[in-house]
Amino acid sequence: MFLKLRNYILFIYLINLMTLSSAFSNPLNDRTHQILINKREGKSRHLTLWNRFWLKKKSTEINHDFIKDMSPSEQVCEENYLKNLIKFNDVKRKNYKYAFLKLRKLNQIDDISYQKILEFKKAPQEIDLKINKEKLKMIKGIDSKKIDQSINQFSSYKKKKKCLGESFKTLFGAITKSKKKKKEKYFKKVIKKLVKENVITKTSGKQLLALSKIKIHRQSQFLKDYIKTKNFVAKNIKEENLLDENKIGLSDLVSQKDRINKSYPRQRLYENYNQFQIIYMAQILERFLFRLENTALLGIDLIDRNDNTFETFMIDSPMEIYRFLVKYMRYEMAKLKENHLFSNVSVTYSDLIAASFELYQIPPATLDELRKMEEIWNPQLTKTQKIVTWGKLFTQAGVIFIPPPYNYLASLSIWVIESFVQNSKEEATYGHSIFGEIQ
């Protein structure tokens, strides 16, 4: 039994190691192995007018090559960016934000990486935690054996090439495991007691409490997790898509707030879905686009209870073909709820778009066009307002007369407007839209 358990643990470890190592051989990485270089996100939500003003005023001069000097294993830990920022640049703690904003402006990092790294700006760069075992045994009221094991495991995080955040989360969880409520208060009490009894040093105690104060243990995803998922997805991008110049580039759609879901599509994608879910969702939209491009005729058989076909419809209208394909895609989205991979999430059309863009299946120009249509799907606008928005966009662009499926965005809008006109009620709604959540 022990051998089987040991072999299973070894197998899981090797799988994780192989997945993480994909970051080092990722086809999207350049020769300098910059894992976080931005290749998808367009305009950054963090580079607001206010932040741009202070960024220019502070004129934070930093050596942008300091990331290139970091090994791939160093780049997966948030604390190493802050450590190397100070090592290679004379940057004060209060200017960390602007130093990394400049990196974001130069696309050295993306928004997700920027946010995760900056969450560690008040965290210690490293913790050298040692324990006095003899004094620990003398303390009453705590599980000394469990604390000894937890601290020993944490103290070797650098040797095991683990990150500070994930290691602290494990330590916090082990110490507060017996408590259902007020875990942070209990953790603080235990650490202060260990410092008072000279089990750990005062410096180490302050550092651990600092991590607890900024809620590092509450994070569901660390930079390492994001990189692991991102690079697994990148390894599944088709070679022809990577070589297609039309599909390479940045898009504002995935980095700006989605007005319907009130979230940022790419961030939502990586925070709510794992690598397998992202690939699966991208395949749905890929199949839709393939059908749209290749379907010339739609044949529908009517079948009776005895499985006999008694009538066949042959439909060659591009509009009707398009309508059917869109509805079938919505059906596939609804069926996701029956898939064990998606049992706890609600997939939206925006998620499918973000996943497809991440796998280089959709050109950035198409996403930018889709972003211009966003007002059509705004649930707070009335039908009349949406029709006016649609008219302004498409009559000016001159694409209204292009028959589908050659311009499927235009035909999608036509279909939506028909739905508005058929319903005489003047109210704000997007219930018919594939852009909403599947109910």
Protein backbone atom coordinates (compact mmCIF):
# COMPACT_ATOMS: atom_id res chain seq x y z
CA MET A 1 0.00 0.00 0.00
CA PHE A 2 2.81 2.39 0.90
CA LEU A 3 4.67 1.62 -2.35
CA LYS A 4 1.55 2.28 -4.41
CA LEU A 5 0.98 5.59 -2.63
CA ARG A 6 4.61 6.57 -3.11
CA ASN A 7 4.49 5.71 -6.82
CA TYR A 8 1.26 7.67 -7.24
CA ILE A 9 2.75 10.76 -5.56
CA LEU A 10 5.86 10.44 -7.73
CA PHE A 11 3.69 10.20 -10.85
CA ILE A 12 1.72 13.37 -9.95
CA TYR A 13 4.98 15.20 -9.19
CA LEU A 14 6.44 14.26 -12.58
CA ILE A 15 3.28 15.36 -14.41
CA ASN A 16 3.38 18.78 -12.69
CA LEU A 17 7.08 19.09 -13.43
CA MET A 18 6.51 18.32 -17.11
CA THR A 19 3.67 20.82 -17.33
CA LEU A 20 5.71 23.55 -15.68
CA SER A 21 8.73 22.78 -17.85
CA SER A 22 6.59 23.55 -20.89
CA ALA A 23 7.14 27.21 -19.99
CA PHE A 24 10.77 26.78 -20.95
CA SER A 25 10.07 25.25 -24.38
CA ASN A 26 6.96 27.24 -25.18
CA PRO A 27 6.63 28.07 -28.88
CA LEU A 28 5.41 31.57 -27.99
CA ASN A 29 8.50 32.42 -25.93
CA ASP A 30 11.30 34.37 -27.53
CA ARG A 31 14.94 33.31 -27.33
CA THR A 32 15.41 35.06 -24.01
CA HIS A 33 12.77 32.82 -22.39
CA GLN A 34 10.64 35.74 -21.18
CA ILE A 35 7.68 33.74 -19.97
CA LEU A 36 5.43 36.71 -19.20
CA ILE A 37 5.95 38.77 -22.35
CA ASN A 38 2.57 40.06 -23.55
CA LYS A 39 1.40 38.73 -26.91
CA ARG A 40 -2.40 38.91 -26.56
CA GLU A 41 -3.64 41.79 -24.40
CA GLY A 42 -4.17 45.18 -25.99
CA LYS A 43 -4.85 48.36 -24.04
CA SER A 44 -4.13 47.87 -20.34
CA ARG A 45 -6.83 48.76 -17.83
CA HIS A 46 -4.05 49.68 -15.38
CA LEU A 47 -2.60 52.35 -17.68
CA THR A 48 -5.32 54.87 -16.90
CA LEU A 49 -4.93 58.56 -17.62
CA TRP A 50 -4.09 59.13 -13.95
CA ASN A 51 -1.45 56.38 -13.87
CA ARG A 52 0.05 57.56 -17.16
CA PHE A 53 0.35 61.07 -15.72
CA TRP A 54 2.23 59.87 -12.62
CA LEU A 55 4.28 57.39 -14.63
CA LYS A 56 5.53 60.23 -16.80
CA LYS A 57 6.05 62.56 -13.84
CA LYS A 58 7.98 60.05 -11.77
CA SER A 59 9.94 59.00 -14.89
CA THR A 60 10.92 55.72 -13.28
CA GLU A 61 14.04 54.66 -15.13
CA ILE A 62 14.52 50.93 -14.83
CA ASN A 63 16.64 48.39 -16.61
CA HIS A 64 14.03 46.51 -18.62
CA ASP A 65 16.45 43.67 -19.28
CA PHE A 66 16.40 42.54 -15.66
CA ILE A 67 13.67 40.01 -16.51
CA LYS A 68 15.87 38.50 -19.22
CA ASP A 69 18.54 37.85 -16.58
CA MET A 70 16.09 35.76 -14.56
CA SER A 71 16.09 32.02 -15.13
CA PRO A 72 12.78 30.39 -16.19
CA SER A 73 12.42 28.84 -12.72
CA GLU A 74 12.83 32.30 -11.13
CA GLN A 75 10.20 33.87 -13.40
CA VAL A 76 7.37 31.78 -11.95
CA CYS A 77 7.63 33.36 -8.48
CA GLU A 78 6.26 36.83 -7.73
CA GLU A 79 8.85 37.72 -5.09
CA ASN A 80 11.74 37.26 -7.56
CA TYR A 81 10.53 40.14 -9.75
CA LEU A 82 10.59 42.52 -6.81
CA LYS A 83 13.92 41.12 -5.65
CA ASN A 84 15.56 41.58 -9.06
CA LEU A 85 13.92 44.96 -9.58
CA ILE A 86 15.75 46.22 -6.50
CA LYS A 87 18.93 44.33 -7.37
CA PHE A 88 19.32 45.84 -10.84
CA ASN A 89 17.55 49.16 -10.26
CA ASP A 90 17.48 51.78 -7.55
CA VAL A 91 13.71 51.73 -7.08
CA LYS A 92 11.97 52.59 -3.82
CA ARG A 93 9.07 50.49 -2.54
CA LYS A 94 6.55 53.30 -3.15
CA ASN A 95 7.53 53.32 -6.84
CA TYR A 96 7.18 49.55 -7.43
CA LYS A 97 3.81 50.15 -9.05
CA TYR A 98 5.18 52.58 -11.63
CA ALA A 99 8.22 50.42 -12.35
CA PHE A 100 5.98 47.51 -13.32
CA LEU A 101 3.51 49.81 -15.09
CA LYS A 102 6.37 50.77 -17.36
CA LEU A 103 7.05 47.11 -18.03
CA ARG A 104 3.36 46.66 -18.85
CA LYS A 105 3.45 49.65 -21.18
CA LEU A 106 6.36 48.02 -23.03
CA ASN A 107 4.47 44.67 -23.13
CA GLN A 108 7.19 42.96 -21.09
CA ILE A 109 4.35 41.64 -18.91
CA ASP A 110 0.57 41.41 -19.31
CA ASP A 111 -2.22 42.66 -17.03
CA ILE A 112 -2.68 39.36 -15.22
CA SER A 113 1.04 39.11 -14.41
CA TYR A 114 1.19 42.77 -13.39
CA GLN A 115 -1.65 42.33 -10.92
CA LYS A 116 -0.26 39.14 -9.39
CA ILE A 117 3.26 40.53 -8.99
CA LEU A 118 2.04 43.79 -7.47
CA GLU A 119 0.05 41.91 -4.83
CA PHE A 120 3.46 41.02 -3.33
CA LYS A 121 4.79 44.59 -3.18
CA LYS A 122 4.42 44.67 0.63
CA ALA A 123 5.62 41.10 1.07
CA PRO A 124 9.17 40.18 2.15
CA GLN A 125 11.42 39.11 -0.70
CA GLU A 126 12.38 35.94 1.12
CA ILE A 127 12.05 34.40 4.57
CA ASP A 128 14.85 32.54 6.30
CA LEU A 129 12.79 30.66 8.86
CA LYS A 130 14.55 28.55 11.47
CA ILE A 131 13.04 26.88 14.50
CA ASN A 132 14.29 26.12 18.00
CA LYS A 133 12.84 22.63 18.50
CA GLU A 134 13.78 22.36 22.17
CA LYS A 135 11.88 25.51 23.12
CA LEU A 136 8.97 24.52 20.89
CA LYS A 137 8.44 21.34 22.97
CA MET A 138 8.09 23.43 26.12
CA ILE A 139 5.16 25.49 24.80
CA LYS A 140 1.73 24.38 25.99
CA GLY A 141 -1.59 24.86 24.24
CA ILE A 142 -0.40 24.21 20.67
CA ASP A 143 0.35 21.13 18.59
CA SER A 144 4.15 21.39 18.64
CA LYS A 145 4.65 18.38 16.39
CA LYS A 146 2.39 19.77 13.66
CA ILE A 147 3.99 23.23 13.85
CA ASP A 148 7.46 21.69 13.71
CA GLN A 149 6.57 19.77 10.54
CA SER A 150 4.89 22.78 8.93
CA ILE A 151 7.75 25.19 9.60
CA ASN A 152 10.37 22.66 8.45
CA GLN A 153 8.49 22.20 5.23
CA PHE A 154 8.18 25.96 4.73
CA SER A 155 11.82 26.71 5.55
CA SER A 156 13.02 24.56 2.64
CA TYR A 157 10.83 26.20 -0.02
CA LYS A 158 13.79 27.77 -1.83
CA LYS A 159 15.74 24.52 -1.96
CA LYS A 160 12.68 22.78 -3.40
CA LYS A 161 12.33 25.64 -5.92
CA LYS A 162 8.90 26.57 -4.63
CA CYS A 163 7.49 30.08 -4.47
CA LEU A 164 6.95 32.11 -1.31
CA GLY A 165 3.21 32.53 -1.86
CA GLU A 166 2.26 28.90 -2.34
CA SER A 167 4.58 27.84 0.50
CA PHE A 168 3.06 30.34 2.91
CA LYS A 169 -0.46 29.25 1.94
CA THR A 170 0.48 25.67 2.83
CA LEU A 171 1.99 26.79 6.15
CA PHE A 172 -1.05 28.92 7.02
CA GLY A 173 -3.41 26.07 6.17
CA ALA A 174 -1.47 23.56 8.28
CA ILE A 175 -1.35 25.80 11.36
CA THR A 176 -5.02 26.87 11.19
CA LYS A 177 -6.45 23.54 10.00
CA SER A 178 -8.24 22.88 13.30
CA LYS A 179 -10.02 26.26 13.22
CA LYS A 180 -13.19 26.82 11.21
CA LYS A 181 -13.47 30.53 11.99
CA LYS A 182 -11.10 33.43 12.70
CA LYS A 183 -8.16 31.61 11.16
CA GLU A 184 -6.11 34.77 10.66
CA LYS A 185 -6.55 35.77 14.28
CA TYR A 186 -5.45 32.31 15.43
CA PHE A 187 -2.43 32.34 13.07
CA LYS A 188 -1.35 35.71 14.44
CA LYS A 189 -1.71 34.41 17.99
CA VAL A 190 0.44 31.32 17.28
CA ILE A 191 3.20 33.29 15.52
CA LYS A 192 3.38 35.87 18.31
CA LYS A 193 3.62 33.07 20.85
CA LEU A 194 6.47 31.43 18.90
CA VAL A 195 8.34 34.75 18.80
CA LYS A 196 7.75 35.42 22.50
CA GLU A 197 9.11 31.99 23.44
CA ASN A 198 12.11 32.46 21.11
CA VAL A 199 11.08 29.49 18.95
CA ILE A 200 11.50 31.65 15.83
CA THR A 201 13.22 35.01 15.43
CA LYS A 202 11.40 38.31 15.72
CA THR A 203 12.26 39.14 12.10
CA SER A 204 10.80 35.89 10.80
CA GLY A 205 7.67 36.43 12.88
CA LYS A 206 7.14 39.92 11.42
CA GLN A 207 7.61 38.58 7.91
CA LEU A 208 5.06 35.81 8.39
CA LEU A 209 2.55 38.25 9.88
CA ALA A 210 3.15 40.62 6.95
CA LEU A 211 2.17 37.86 4.50
CA SER A 212 -0.92 37.11 6.57
CA LYS A 213 -1.87 40.79 6.65
CA ILE A 214 -1.92 41.13 2.85
CA LYS A 215 -4.04 37.93 2.61
CA ILE A 216 -1.58 35.91 0.50
CA HIS A 217 -3.13 32.70 1.84
CA ARG A 218 -6.50 33.65 0.35
CA GLN A 219 -5.29 33.72 -3.23
CA SER A 220 -6.80 31.00 -5.38
CA GLN A 221 -4.24 31.38 -8.15
CA PHE A 222 -0.59 32.40 -8.02
CA LEU A 223 1.68 33.51 -10.84
CA LYS A 224 3.07 29.98 -11.09
CA ASP A 225 -0.43 28.56 -11.65
CA TYR A 226 -1.17 31.16 -14.34
CA ILE A 227 2.09 30.43 -16.16
CA LYS A 228 1.50 26.68 -15.99
CA THR A 229 -1.99 27.01 -17.51
CA LYS A 230 -0.95 29.60 -20.09
CA ASN A 231 1.93 27.55 -21.42
CA PHE A 232 -0.04 24.33 -21.51
CA VAL A 233 -2.60 26.16 -23.66
CA ALA A 234 0.19 27.61 -25.83
CA LYS A 235 1.55 24.16 -26.59
CA ASN A 236 -1.85 23.25 -28.06
CA ILE A 237 -1.94 26.13 -30.55
CA LYS A 238 -1.94 24.87 -34.12
CA GLU A 239 1.23 25.63 -36.06
CA GLU A 240 -0.69 27.14 -38.99
CA ASN A 241 -2.38 29.60 -36.62
CA LEU A 242 0.98 30.74 -35.23
CA LEU A 243 2.22 31.31 -38.77
CA ASP A 244 -0.90 33.24 -39.83
CA GLU A 245 -0.02 36.94 -39.59
CA ASN A 246 -3.69 37.88 -39.41
CA LYS A 247 -4.10 35.92 -36.18
CA ILE A 248 -1.02 37.35 -34.47
CA GLY A 249 -1.32 40.52 -32.42
CA LEU A 250 -3.07 42.23 -29.51
CA SER A 251 -6.71 43.01 -28.86
CA ASP A 252 -8.41 45.43 -26.48
CA LEU A 253 -11.43 43.14 -26.25
CA VAL A 254 -9.71 40.60 -23.99
CA SER A 255 -8.10 43.18 -21.68
CA GLN A 256 -10.96 45.67 -21.26
CA LYS A 257 -14.07 45.16 -19.11
CA ASP A 258 -16.91 43.22 -20.67
CA ARG A 259 -20.01 45.34 -20.09
CA ILE A 260 -22.30 42.35 -19.86
CA ASN A 261 -20.30 40.08 -17.56
CA LYS A 262 -18.67 43.02 -15.73
CA SER A 263 -15.29 41.30 -15.89
CA TYR A 264 -12.13 41.23 -17.99
CA PRO A 265 -12.43 38.37 -20.54
CA ARG A 266 -8.84 37.09 -20.48
CA GLN A 267 -8.50 37.41 -16.70
CA ARG A 268 -11.87 35.72 -16.24
CA LEU A 269 -10.74 32.94 -18.58
CA TYR A 270 -7.60 32.11 -16.58
CA GLU A 271 -9.15 32.59 -13.15
CA ASN A 272 -12.26 30.47 -13.75
CA TYR A 273 -11.07 27.74 -16.11
CA ASN A 274 -8.21 25.27 -16.25
CA GLN A 275 -6.17 24.46 -19.35
CA PHE A 276 -8.42 21.59 -20.43
CA GLN A 277 -11.58 23.69 -20.17
CA ILE A 278 -10.00 26.52 -22.19
CA ILE A 279 -9.02 24.18 -25.01
CA TYR A 280 -12.45 22.52 -24.98
CA MET A 281 -14.25 25.89 -25.21
CA ALA A 282 -12.02 27.05 -28.05
CA GLN A 283 -12.92 23.92 -29.99
CA ILE A 284 -16.63 24.85 -29.85
CA LEU A 285 -16.05 28.17 -31.57
CA GLU A 286 -13.51 26.59 -33.94
CA ARG A 287 -16.15 24.08 -35.09
CA PHE A 288 -18.69 26.91 -35.50
CA LEU A 289 -16.32 28.92 -37.71
CA PHE A 290 -15.43 25.82 -39.75
CA ARG A 291 -19.12 25.03 -40.34
CA LEU A 292 -19.78 28.66 -41.22
CA GLU A 293 -17.05 28.69 -43.83
CA ASN A 294 -17.79 25.31 -45.41
CA THR A 295 -21.58 24.87 -45.27
CA ALA A 296 -23.16 25.48 -48.70
CA LEU A 297 -26.40 23.58 -48.17
CA LEU A 298 -28.37 22.59 -45.09
CA GLY A 299 -30.30 19.32 -45.16
CA ILE A 300 -32.83 18.56 -42.42
CA ASP A 301 -34.54 15.17 -42.16
CA LEU A 302 -37.87 14.76 -40.39
CA ILE A 303 -37.94 11.32 -38.72
CA ASP A 304 -40.98 9.53 -37.35
CA ARG A 305 -41.22 7.30 -34.29
CA ASN A 306 -40.08 4.29 -36.31
CA ASP A 307 -36.85 6.06 -37.28
CA ASN A 308 -38.01 6.51 -40.85
CA THR A 309 -37.39 9.74 -42.74
CA PHE A 310 -40.67 11.04 -44.12
CA GLU A 311 -39.59 14.49 -45.32
CA THR A 312 -36.34 16.29 -46.08
CA PHE A 313 -35.75 20.03 -46.22
CA MET A 314 -32.88 21.40 -48.34
CA ILE A 315 -32.03 24.96 -47.32
CA ASP A 316 -29.57 27.05 -49.34
CA SER A 317 -30.33 30.48 -47.85
CA PRO A 318 -27.09 31.84 -46.29
CA MET A 319 -29.10 33.63 -43.62
CA GLU A 320 -31.01 30.50 -42.59
CA ILE A 321 -27.82 28.43 -42.61
CA TYR A 322 -26.21 30.99 -40.38
CA ARG A 323 -29.15 31.07 -37.99
CA PHE A 324 -29.07 27.30 -37.65
CA LEU A 325 -25.31 27.21 -37.00
CA VAL A 326 -25.54 29.93 -34.33
CA LYS A 327 -28.41 28.16 -32.59
CA TYR A 328 -26.53 24.88 -32.71
CA MET A 329 -23.51 26.54 -31.13
CA ARG A 330 -25.77 27.80 -28.36
CA TYR A 331 -27.02 24.24 -27.95
CA GLU A 332 -23.41 23.05 -27.59
CA MET A 333 -22.82 25.73 -24.95
CA ALA A 334 -25.89 24.55 -23.04
CA LYS A 335 -24.67 20.94 -23.22
CA LEU A 336 -21.46 21.97 -21.46
CA LYS A 337 -23.36 21.87 -18.17
CA GLU A 338 -23.67 18.11 -18.60
CA ASN A 339 -19.91 17.79 -19.04
CA HIS A 340 -18.07 16.99 -15.79
CA LEU A 341 -15.40 19.55 -16.72
CA PHE A 342 -17.93 22.39 -16.51
CA SER A 343 -20.15 21.24 -13.66
CA ASN A 344 -19.36 24.25 -11.43
CA VAL A 345 -19.09 27.08 -13.98
CA SER A 346 -21.42 29.01 -16.29
CA VAL A 347 -19.84 29.47 -19.70
CA THR A 348 -20.64 32.66 -21.64
CA TYR A 349 -20.08 33.54 -25.27
CA SER A 350 -17.37 35.97 -24.13
CA ASP A 351 -15.51 33.04 -22.57
CA LEU A 352 -15.61 31.19 -25.88
CA ILE A 353 -14.30 34.26 -27.70
CA ALA A 354 -11.46 34.71 -25.19
CA ALA A 355 -10.51 31.02 -25.34
CA SER A 356 -10.49 31.00 -29.15
CA PHE A 357 -8.40 34.16 -29.28
CA GLU A 358 -5.94 32.67 -26.80
CA LEU A 359 -5.43 29.71 -29.15
CA TYR A 360 -4.94 32.05 -32.14
CA GLN A 361 -8.15 30.94 -33.86
CA ILE A 362 -9.62 34.45 -34.27
CA PRO A 363 -7.82 37.43 -35.84
CA PRO A 364 -7.46 40.50 -33.59
CA ALA A 365 -9.24 42.59 -36.22
CA THR A 366 -12.35 40.45 -35.81
CA LEU A 367 -12.29 40.92 -32.05
CA ASP A 368 -11.93 44.68 -32.40
CA GLU A 369 -14.95 44.71 -34.71
CA LEU A 370 -16.84 42.64 -32.16
CA ARG A 371 -15.94 45.16 -29.47
CA LYS A 372 -17.53 47.95 -31.51
CA MET A 373 -20.75 45.94 -31.55
CA GLU A 374 -20.76 45.63 -27.77
CA GLU A 375 -23.52 48.20 -27.28
CA ILE A 376 -25.90 45.90 -29.17
CA TRP A 377 -25.65 43.40 -26.32
CA ASN A 378 -25.91 45.89 -23.49
CA PRO A 379 -28.89 44.72 -21.36
CA GLN A 380 -29.42 48.24 -20.03
CA LEU A 381 -30.30 49.66 -23.46
CA THR A 382 -33.75 49.50 -25.06
CA LYS A 383 -34.39 47.82 -28.42
CA THR A 384 -34.58 51.20 -30.17
CA GLN A 385 -31.22 52.29 -28.78
CA LYS A 386 -29.64 49.02 -29.89
CA ILE A 387 -31.09 49.31 -33.39
CA VAL A 388 -29.72 52.86 -33.68
CA THR A 389 -26.31 51.66 -32.48
CA TRP A 390 -26.37 48.81 -34.99
CA GLY A 391 -27.40 51.13 -37.82
CA LYS A 392 -24.61 53.60 -37.10
CA LEU A 393 -21.97 50.87 -37.02
CA PHE A 394 -22.96 48.84 -40.05
CA THR A 395 -24.44 51.34 -42.47
CA GLN A 396 -21.30 53.43 -42.12
CA ALA A 397 -19.09 50.38 -42.53
CA GLY A 398 -21.04 49.29 -45.63
CA VAL A 399 -21.16 45.63 -44.62
CA ILE A 400 -24.92 45.35 -44.28
CA PHE A 401 -25.27 44.34 -47.93
CA ILE A 402 -22.63 41.61 -47.76
CA PRO A 403 -24.51 38.30 -47.61
CA PRO A 404 -23.67 35.90 -44.80
CA PRO A 405 -21.72 33.82 -44.07
CA TYR A 406 -19.08 36.05 -45.68
CA ASN A 407 -19.54 38.60 -42.90
CA TYR A 408 -20.96 36.64 -40.00
CA LEU A 409 -20.81 39.57 -37.57
CA ALA A 410 -23.08 41.60 -39.82
CA SER A 411 -25.48 38.72 -40.27
CA LEU A 412 -25.47 38.09 -36.53
CA SER A 413 -26.59 41.68 -36.01
CA ILE A 414 -29.33 41.34 -38.62
CA TRP A 415 -30.64 38.27 -36.83
CA VAL A 416 -30.60 40.07 -33.48
CA ILE A 417 -32.40 43.13 -34.85
CA GLU A 418 -35.10 40.89 -36.31
CA SER A 419 -35.64 39.50 -32.83
CA PHE A 420 -36.04 43.04 -31.50
CA VAL A 421 -38.53 44.05 -34.18
CA GLN A 422 -40.67 40.94 -33.74
CA ASN A 423 -41.04 41.70 -30.03
CA SER A 424 -43.14 44.86 -29.71
CA LYS A 425 -42.30 45.47 -26.05
CA GLU A 426 -39.96 48.42 -25.58
CA GLU A 427 -37.71 47.08 -22.86
CA ALA A 428 -34.05 46.38 -22.22
CA THR A 429 -33.19 42.73 -22.72
CA TYR A 430 -30.55 40.39 -24.06
CA GLY A 431 -32.28 37.12 -23.28
CA HIS A 432 -32.17 36.04 -26.92
CA SER A 433 -28.46 36.75 -27.19
CA ILE A 434 -25.74 34.14 -27.28
CA PHE A 435 -23.61 36.66 -25.41
CA GLY A 436 -25.43 36.07 -22.14
CA GLU A 437 -25.04 33.15 -19.76
CA ILE A 438 -26.78 29.88 -20.51
CA GLN A 439 -29.72 29.62 -18.11
